[in-house]
Amino acid sequence: MKTINMFTFPIRVYYEDTDAGRVVFYANYLKFFERARTEWLRHLGIHQSDLMEKDQCMFVVVDTQVKYKRPAKLDDQIFILSTIEKLTASSVVFAQKAYRGETLLVESLIRICAVHSETFRPISIPTHIRNLFESAQES
């Protein structure tokens, strides 16, 4: 079983990511964080489409807290560092930070909840996924 307690995902800032001030548009960091979480799951062997089909489970964002420290600019190479902050029966809180080199740009806490893929009602995180999250928290 693959487990890691943190995951790093690189991102290049493109023109489409920036606003009129030529810095990353604030909401785009949420897209970057989503990509990093998805790639972490993929790295662990979890494909969200399979999760929906086999377990009737999908994850939805239910809460975000974001603090913007410094801007990223066009052509910057940044990376997203993701860790698991808290795990409950039906939700996970990810601590995610965006860096340019050693410089912290943005930090966030994002809570995702497991829901049934047809009813969108909260459900328990499937055991095999929960085990991966617990291992990631402990390692």
N, C-alpha and C. Protein backbone atom coordinates (compact mmCIF):
# COMPACT_ATOMS: atom_id res chain seq x y z
N MET A 1 0.85 -1.18 0.00
CA MET A 1 0.00 0.00 0.00
C MET A 1 0.89 1.24 0.00
N LYS A 2 0.67 2.14 -0.96
CA LYS A 2 1.42 3.39 -1.03
C LYS A 2 0.85 4.38 -0.03
N THR A 3 1.72 4.97 0.77
CA THR A 3 1.27 6.04 1.65
C THR A 3 2.34 7.11 1.72
N ILE A 4 1.90 8.32 1.81
CA ILE A 4 2.80 9.45 2.01
C ILE A 4 2.08 10.47 2.87
N ASN A 5 2.83 11.15 3.73
CA ASN A 5 2.17 12.11 4.62
C ASN A 5 2.09 13.51 4.03
N MET A 6 2.72 13.71 2.90
CA MET A 6 2.58 14.99 2.20
C MET A 6 2.79 14.75 0.72
N PHE A 7 2.26 15.64 -0.07
CA PHE A 7 2.37 15.50 -1.52
C PHE A 7 2.70 16.87 -2.09
N THR A 8 3.64 16.89 -3.02
CA THR A 8 4.05 18.13 -3.67
C THR A 8 3.66 18.06 -5.14
N PHE A 9 3.02 19.12 -5.62
CA PHE A 9 2.55 19.17 -7.01
C PHE A 9 3.01 20.47 -7.66
N PRO A 10 3.81 20.39 -8.73
CA PRO A 10 4.30 21.61 -9.39
C PRO A 10 3.26 22.21 -10.34
N ILE A 11 3.28 23.53 -10.43
CA ILE A 11 2.38 24.25 -11.34
C ILE A 11 3.14 25.42 -11.95
N ARG A 12 3.02 25.58 -13.25
CA ARG A 12 3.54 26.76 -13.95
C ARG A 12 2.39 27.74 -14.09
N VAL A 13 2.64 29.01 -13.80
CA VAL A 13 1.61 30.04 -13.93
C VAL A 13 1.55 30.49 -15.38
N TYR A 14 0.37 30.31 -15.97
CA TYR A 14 0.13 30.72 -17.36
C TYR A 14 -0.65 32.03 -17.39
N TYR A 15 -0.67 32.63 -18.57
CA TYR A 15 -1.39 33.89 -18.76
C TYR A 15 -2.84 33.76 -18.31
N GLU A 16 -3.48 32.64 -18.63
CA GLU A 16 -4.88 32.43 -18.27
C GLU A 16 -5.13 32.41 -16.76
N ASP A 17 -4.07 32.19 -15.98
CA ASP A 17 -4.19 32.14 -14.52
C ASP A 17 -4.15 33.52 -13.87
N THR A 18 -3.78 34.54 -14.65
CA THR A 18 -3.54 35.86 -14.07
C THR A 18 -4.71 36.82 -14.28
N ASP A 19 -4.69 37.90 -13.52
CA ASP A 19 -5.73 38.92 -13.63
C ASP A 19 -5.16 40.19 -14.26
N ALA A 20 -5.91 41.28 -14.20
CA ALA A 20 -5.47 42.54 -14.81
C ALA A 20 -4.20 43.08 -14.16
N GLY A 21 -3.93 42.68 -12.92
CA GLY A 21 -2.72 43.11 -12.22
C GLY A 21 -1.51 42.24 -12.54
N ARG A 22 -1.69 41.27 -13.42
CA ARG A 22 -0.64 40.35 -13.88
C ARG A 22 -0.13 39.43 -12.77
N VAL A 23 -1.01 39.17 -11.81
CA VAL A 23 -0.71 38.18 -10.77
C VAL A 23 -1.80 37.11 -10.82
N VAL A 24 -1.56 35.98 -10.18
CA VAL A 24 -2.56 34.91 -10.19
C VAL A 24 -3.85 35.42 -9.57
N PHE A 25 -4.95 35.25 -10.30
CA PHE A 25 -6.28 35.60 -9.81
C PHE A 25 -6.56 34.76 -8.57
N TYR A 26 -7.02 35.40 -7.51
CA TYR A 26 -7.12 34.75 -6.20
C TYR A 26 -7.87 33.41 -6.23
N ALA A 27 -8.96 33.31 -6.98
CA ALA A 27 -9.76 32.08 -7.01
C ALA A 27 -9.03 30.93 -7.70
N ASN A 28 -8.04 31.25 -8.53
CA ASN A 28 -7.33 30.18 -9.23
C ASN A 28 -6.49 29.32 -8.30
N TYR A 29 -6.15 29.84 -7.14
CA TYR A 29 -5.43 28.99 -6.17
C TYR A 29 -6.30 27.81 -5.75
N LEU A 30 -7.62 28.00 -5.70
CA LEU A 30 -8.51 26.89 -5.37
C LEU A 30 -8.44 25.81 -6.44
N LYS A 31 -8.30 26.21 -7.70
CA LYS A 31 -8.11 25.24 -8.79
C LYS A 31 -6.79 24.51 -8.61
N PHE A 32 -5.75 25.25 -8.28
CA PHE A 32 -4.44 24.63 -8.07
C PHE A 32 -4.50 23.61 -6.93
N PHE A 33 -5.18 23.97 -5.85
CA PHE A 33 -5.29 23.07 -4.70
C PHE A 33 -6.10 21.82 -5.08
N GLU A 34 -7.15 22.00 -5.85
CA GLU A 34 -7.97 20.86 -6.32
C GLU A 34 -7.12 19.91 -7.15
N ARG A 35 -6.34 20.45 -8.06
CA ARG A 35 -5.47 19.60 -8.90
C ARG A 35 -4.48 18.82 -8.04
N ALA A 36 -3.92 19.48 -7.04
CA ALA A 36 -2.94 18.82 -6.17
C ALA A 36 -3.60 17.68 -5.39
N ARG A 37 -4.81 17.91 -4.86
CA ARG A 37 -5.50 16.83 -4.12
C ARG A 37 -5.82 15.67 -5.05
N THR A 38 -6.29 15.98 -6.24
CA THR A 38 -6.64 14.93 -7.21
C THR A 38 -5.41 14.12 -7.59
N GLU A 39 -4.29 14.79 -7.83
CA GLU A 39 -3.07 14.07 -8.21
C GLU A 39 -2.51 13.26 -7.05
N TRP A 40 -2.70 13.73 -5.83
CA TRP A 40 -2.28 12.95 -4.66
C TRP A 40 -3.07 11.64 -4.62
N LEU A 41 -4.40 11.74 -4.77
CA LEU A 41 -5.22 10.54 -4.80
C LEU A 41 -4.79 9.61 -5.92
N ARG A 42 -4.55 10.18 -7.08
CA ARG A 42 -4.12 9.38 -8.23
C ARG A 42 -2.79 8.68 -7.93
N HIS A 43 -1.88 9.39 -7.29
CA HIS A 43 -0.59 8.82 -6.91
C HIS A 43 -0.77 7.63 -5.96
N LEU A 44 -1.80 7.70 -5.13
CA LEU A 44 -2.10 6.61 -4.20
C LEU A 44 -2.90 5.48 -4.86
N GLY A 45 -3.21 5.64 -6.15
CA GLY A 45 -3.95 4.62 -6.87
C GLY A 45 -5.46 4.79 -6.82
N ILE A 46 -5.91 5.96 -6.40
CA ILE A 46 -7.35 6.23 -6.30
C ILE A 46 -7.76 7.14 -7.45
N HIS A 47 -8.62 6.63 -8.30
CA HIS A 47 -9.15 7.44 -9.40
C HIS A 47 -10.58 7.81 -9.03
N GLN A 48 -10.88 9.08 -9.07
CA GLN A 48 -12.19 9.53 -8.60
C GLN A 48 -13.34 8.96 -9.42
N SER A 49 -13.11 8.71 -10.72
CA SER A 49 -14.18 8.11 -11.53
C SER A 49 -14.46 6.68 -11.05
N ASP A 50 -13.41 5.93 -10.69
CA ASP A 50 -13.60 4.58 -10.14
C ASP A 50 -14.32 4.63 -8.79
N LEU A 51 -13.96 5.60 -7.98
CA LEU A 51 -14.58 5.76 -6.67
C LEU A 51 -16.09 5.98 -6.82
N MET A 52 -16.46 6.77 -7.81
CA MET A 52 -17.88 7.03 -8.06
C MET A 52 -18.60 5.77 -8.52
N GLU A 53 -17.96 5.02 -9.43
CA GLU A 53 -18.60 3.83 -9.98
C GLU A 53 -18.63 2.66 -9.00
N LYS A 54 -17.51 2.39 -8.35
CA LYS A 54 -17.40 1.20 -7.49
C LYS A 54 -17.95 1.42 -6.09
N ASP A 55 -17.76 2.60 -5.54
CA ASP A 55 -18.17 2.87 -4.16
C ASP A 55 -19.33 3.84 -4.05
N GLN A 56 -19.83 4.34 -5.17
CA GLN A 56 -20.89 5.36 -5.18
C GLN A 56 -20.52 6.51 -4.26
N CYS A 57 -19.24 6.89 -4.31
CA CYS A 57 -18.72 7.94 -3.43
C CYS A 57 -18.03 9.01 -4.26
N MET A 58 -18.22 10.23 -3.86
CA MET A 58 -17.46 11.33 -4.42
C MET A 58 -17.17 12.32 -3.30
N PHE A 59 -16.13 13.11 -3.52
CA PHE A 59 -15.75 14.11 -2.52
C PHE A 59 -16.15 15.49 -3.00
N VAL A 60 -16.75 16.26 -2.10
CA VAL A 60 -17.13 17.64 -2.42
C VAL A 60 -16.51 18.57 -1.38
N VAL A 61 -16.14 19.74 -1.83
CA VAL A 61 -15.59 20.75 -0.91
C VAL A 61 -16.75 21.36 -0.14
N VAL A 62 -16.61 21.39 1.19
CA VAL A 62 -17.67 21.97 2.02
C VAL A 62 -17.20 23.20 2.80
N ASP A 63 -15.89 23.42 2.87
CA ASP A 63 -15.39 24.59 3.60
C ASP A 63 -13.99 24.92 3.11
N THR A 64 -13.72 26.20 2.96
CA THR A 64 -12.37 26.65 2.60
C THR A 64 -11.98 27.84 3.48
N GLN A 65 -10.73 27.84 3.88
CA GLN A 65 -10.13 28.99 4.56
C GLN A 65 -8.83 29.26 3.83
N VAL A 66 -8.70 30.45 3.29
CA VAL A 66 -7.52 30.77 2.48
C VAL A 66 -6.91 32.08 2.96
N LYS A 67 -5.59 32.07 3.11
CA LYS A 67 -4.85 33.28 3.47
C LYS A 67 -3.83 33.55 2.37
N TYR A 68 -3.92 34.74 1.80
CA TYR A 68 -3.03 35.15 0.71
C TYR A 68 -1.88 35.96 1.30
N LYS A 69 -0.66 35.52 1.06
CA LYS A 69 0.52 36.16 1.64
C LYS A 69 1.28 36.99 0.61
N ARG A 70 1.56 36.38 -0.53
CA ARG A 70 2.34 37.03 -1.60
C ARG A 70 1.79 36.57 -2.94
N PRO A 71 1.93 37.38 -3.99
CA PRO A 71 1.40 36.98 -5.29
C PRO A 71 2.35 36.08 -6.08
N ALA A 72 1.77 35.22 -6.88
CA ALA A 72 2.52 34.50 -7.92
C ALA A 72 2.26 35.25 -9.21
N LYS A 73 3.25 35.24 -10.10
CA LYS A 73 3.16 36.01 -11.34
C LYS A 73 3.32 35.11 -12.56
N LEU A 74 3.00 35.69 -13.71
CA LEU A 74 3.12 34.99 -14.98
C LEU A 74 4.48 34.32 -15.11
N ASP A 75 4.47 33.06 -15.52
CA ASP A 75 5.66 32.23 -15.75
C ASP A 75 6.32 31.71 -14.48
N ASP A 76 5.83 32.09 -13.31
CA ASP A 76 6.40 31.54 -12.08
C ASP A 76 6.19 30.03 -12.04
N GLN A 77 7.18 29.34 -11.52
CA GLN A 77 7.04 27.91 -11.21
C GLN A 77 6.74 27.84 -9.72
N ILE A 78 5.55 27.39 -9.38
CA ILE A 78 5.18 27.27 -7.98
C ILE A 78 4.92 25.80 -7.67
N PHE A 79 4.78 25.48 -6.40
CA PHE A 79 4.37 24.13 -6.06
C PHE A 79 3.39 24.17 -4.91
N ILE A 80 2.51 23.18 -4.91
CA ILE A 80 1.50 23.05 -3.88
C ILE A 80 1.92 21.90 -2.96
N LEU A 81 2.00 22.19 -1.68
CA LEU A 81 2.31 21.18 -0.67
C LEU A 81 1.02 20.85 0.07
N SER A 82 0.64 19.58 0.05
CA SER A 82 -0.62 19.15 0.67
C SER A 82 -0.35 18.15 1.79
N THR A 83 -1.03 18.33 2.91
CA THR A 83 -0.98 17.38 4.02
C THR A 83 -2.40 17.20 4.56
N ILE A 84 -2.61 16.11 5.28
CA ILE A 84 -3.90 15.89 5.93
C ILE A 84 -3.84 16.46 7.33
N GLU A 85 -4.73 17.39 7.61
CA GLU A 85 -4.79 18.06 8.91
C GLU A 85 -5.70 17.32 9.88
N LYS A 86 -6.85 16.83 9.37
CA LYS A 86 -7.83 16.18 10.24
C LYS A 86 -8.65 15.20 9.41
N LEU A 87 -8.98 14.07 10.04
CA LEU A 87 -9.77 13.03 9.38
C LEU A 87 -10.92 12.64 10.29
N THR A 88 -12.15 12.67 9.76
CA THR A 88 -13.32 12.19 10.51
C THR A 88 -13.95 11.07 9.69
N ALA A 89 -15.07 10.56 10.17
CA ALA A 89 -15.73 9.44 9.48
C ALA A 89 -16.13 9.79 8.05
N SER A 90 -16.54 11.05 7.83
CA SER A 90 -17.03 11.41 6.50
C SER A 90 -16.30 12.58 5.85
N SER A 91 -15.30 13.14 6.52
CA SER A 91 -14.62 14.29 5.91
C SER A 91 -13.12 14.28 6.18
N VAL A 92 -12.42 15.05 5.37
CA VAL A 92 -10.97 15.21 5.49
C VAL A 92 -10.67 16.69 5.37
N VAL A 93 -9.81 17.19 6.25
CA VAL A 93 -9.33 18.57 6.13
C VAL A 93 -7.90 18.50 5.61
N PHE A 94 -7.68 19.12 4.46
CA PHE A 94 -6.35 19.21 3.88
C PHE A 94 -5.76 20.58 4.19
N ALA A 95 -4.52 20.59 4.64
CA ALA A 95 -3.75 21.83 4.74
C ALA A 95 -2.95 21.90 3.45
N GLN A 96 -3.15 22.96 2.69
CA GLN A 96 -2.46 23.11 1.42
C GLN A 96 -1.81 24.48 1.36
N LYS A 97 -0.57 24.49 0.87
CA LYS A 97 0.19 25.73 0.78
C LYS A 97 0.81 25.84 -0.60
N ALA A 98 0.82 27.06 -1.12
CA ALA A 98 1.47 27.35 -2.39
C ALA A 98 2.78 28.07 -2.11
N TYR A 99 3.86 27.59 -2.73
CA TYR A 99 5.19 28.18 -2.56
C TYR A 99 5.79 28.53 -3.91
N ARG A 100 6.61 29.55 -3.91
CA ARG A 100 7.54 29.83 -5.01
C ARG A 100 8.92 29.72 -4.37
N GLY A 101 9.61 28.63 -4.67
CA GLY A 101 10.86 28.36 -3.96
C GLY A 101 10.56 28.18 -2.49
N GLU A 102 11.23 28.97 -1.65
CA GLU A 102 11.03 28.91 -0.19
C GLU A 102 9.95 29.89 0.29
N THR A 103 9.45 30.71 -0.63
CA THR A 103 8.50 31.77 -0.26
C THR A 103 7.07 31.24 -0.22
N LEU A 104 6.43 31.35 0.96
CA LEU A 104 5.03 30.97 1.10
C LEU A 104 4.16 32.04 0.44
N LEU A 105 3.31 31.61 -0.49
CA LEU A 105 2.43 32.53 -1.20
C LEU A 105 1.00 32.50 -0.64
N VAL A 106 0.48 31.30 -0.45
CA VAL A 106 -0.91 31.13 -0.02
C VAL A 106 -0.98 29.90 0.88
N GLU A 107 -1.79 29.99 1.93
CA GLU A 107 -2.03 28.81 2.77
C GLU A 107 -3.53 28.62 2.93
N SER A 108 -3.94 27.36 3.04
CA SER A 108 -5.37 27.08 3.11
C SER A 108 -5.66 25.85 3.95
N LEU A 109 -6.88 25.80 4.43
CA LEU A 109 -7.47 24.59 5.00
C LEU A 109 -8.73 24.33 4.18
N ILE A 110 -8.80 23.15 3.60
CA ILE A 110 -9.93 22.81 2.74
C ILE A 110 -10.54 21.51 3.24
N ARG A 111 -11.82 21.56 3.58
CA ARG A 111 -12.50 20.36 4.07
C ARG A 111 -13.34 19.78 2.96
N ILE A 112 -13.11 18.49 2.70
CA ILE A 112 -13.92 17.78 1.73
C ILE A 112 -14.74 16.73 2.47
N CYS A 113 -15.91 16.47 1.94
CA CYS A 113 -16.83 15.52 2.56
C CYS A 113 -17.16 14.43 1.55
N ALA A 114 -17.26 13.19 2.02
CA ALA A 114 -17.69 12.08 1.18
C ALA A 114 -19.21 12.13 1.07
N VAL A 115 -19.71 12.06 -0.16
CA VAL A 115 -21.15 12.02 -0.39
C VAL A 115 -21.48 10.89 -1.36
N HIS A 116 -22.71 10.40 -1.28
CA HIS A 116 -23.18 9.38 -2.22
C HIS A 116 -23.26 10.03 -3.60
N SER A 117 -22.75 9.36 -4.61
CA SER A 117 -22.64 9.98 -5.94
C SER A 117 -23.98 10.22 -6.62
N GLU A 118 -25.05 9.60 -6.14
CA GLU A 118 -26.37 9.85 -6.75
C GLU A 118 -27.23 10.78 -5.90
N THR A 119 -27.18 10.61 -4.58
CA THR A 119 -28.06 11.40 -3.71
C THR A 119 -27.39 12.65 -3.16
N PHE A 120 -26.06 12.69 -3.21
CA PHE A 120 -25.27 13.79 -2.66
C PHE A 120 -25.45 13.94 -1.14
N ARG A 121 -25.90 12.88 -0.49
CA ARG A 121 -26.02 12.89 0.96
C ARG A 121 -24.69 12.41 1.56
N PRO A 122 -24.29 12.95 2.71
CA PRO A 122 -23.03 12.53 3.33
C PRO A 122 -23.02 11.03 3.63
N ILE A 123 -21.85 10.42 3.41
CA ILE A 123 -21.63 9.01 3.72
C ILE A 123 -20.26 8.88 4.39
N SER A 124 -20.01 7.72 4.96
CA SER A 124 -18.69 7.46 5.52
C SER A 124 -17.69 7.28 4.39
N ILE A 125 -16.48 7.71 4.63
CA ILE A 125 -15.42 7.50 3.65
C ILE A 125 -15.20 5.99 3.54
N PRO A 126 -15.15 5.44 2.31
CA PRO A 126 -14.93 4.00 2.16
C PRO A 126 -13.66 3.56 2.91
N THR A 127 -13.73 2.38 3.50
CA THR A 127 -12.66 1.88 4.36
C THR A 127 -11.30 1.90 3.69
N HIS A 128 -11.23 1.45 2.44
CA HIS A 128 -9.92 1.39 1.76
C HIS A 128 -9.33 2.79 1.56
N ILE A 129 -10.17 3.79 1.37
CA ILE A 129 -9.70 5.17 1.22
C ILE A 129 -9.31 5.72 2.60
N ARG A 130 -10.15 5.46 3.56
CA ARG A 130 -9.88 5.92 4.93
C ARG A 130 -8.54 5.37 5.43
N ASN A 131 -8.26 4.10 5.15
CA ASN A 131 -6.99 3.50 5.56
C ASN A 131 -5.81 4.24 4.94
N LEU A 132 -5.93 4.62 3.68
CA LEU A 132 -4.86 5.39 3.02
C LEU A 132 -4.68 6.75 3.69
N PHE A 133 -5.79 7.42 3.98
CA PHE A 133 -5.72 8.72 4.64
C PHE A 133 -5.10 8.60 6.04
N GLU A 134 -5.50 7.56 6.78
CA GLU A 134 -4.94 7.36 8.12
C GLU A 134 -3.44 7.11 8.06
N SER A 135 -3.02 6.31 7.10
CA SER A 135 -1.59 6.03 6.93
C SER A 135 -0.83 7.30 6.58
N ALA A 136 -1.43 8.12 5.73
CA ALA A 136 -0.78 9.38 5.34
C ALA A 136 -0.66 10.31 6.53
N GLN A 137 -1.65 10.30 7.40
CA GLN A 137 -1.62 11.14 8.60
C GLN A 137 -0.53 10.70 9.57
N GLU A 138 -0.31 9.39 9.66
CA GLU A 138 0.61 8.84 10.64
C GLU A 138 2.06 8.84 10.19
N SER A 139 2.30 8.75 8.88
CA SER A 139 3.69 8.61 8.41
C SER A 139 4.44 9.92 8.42
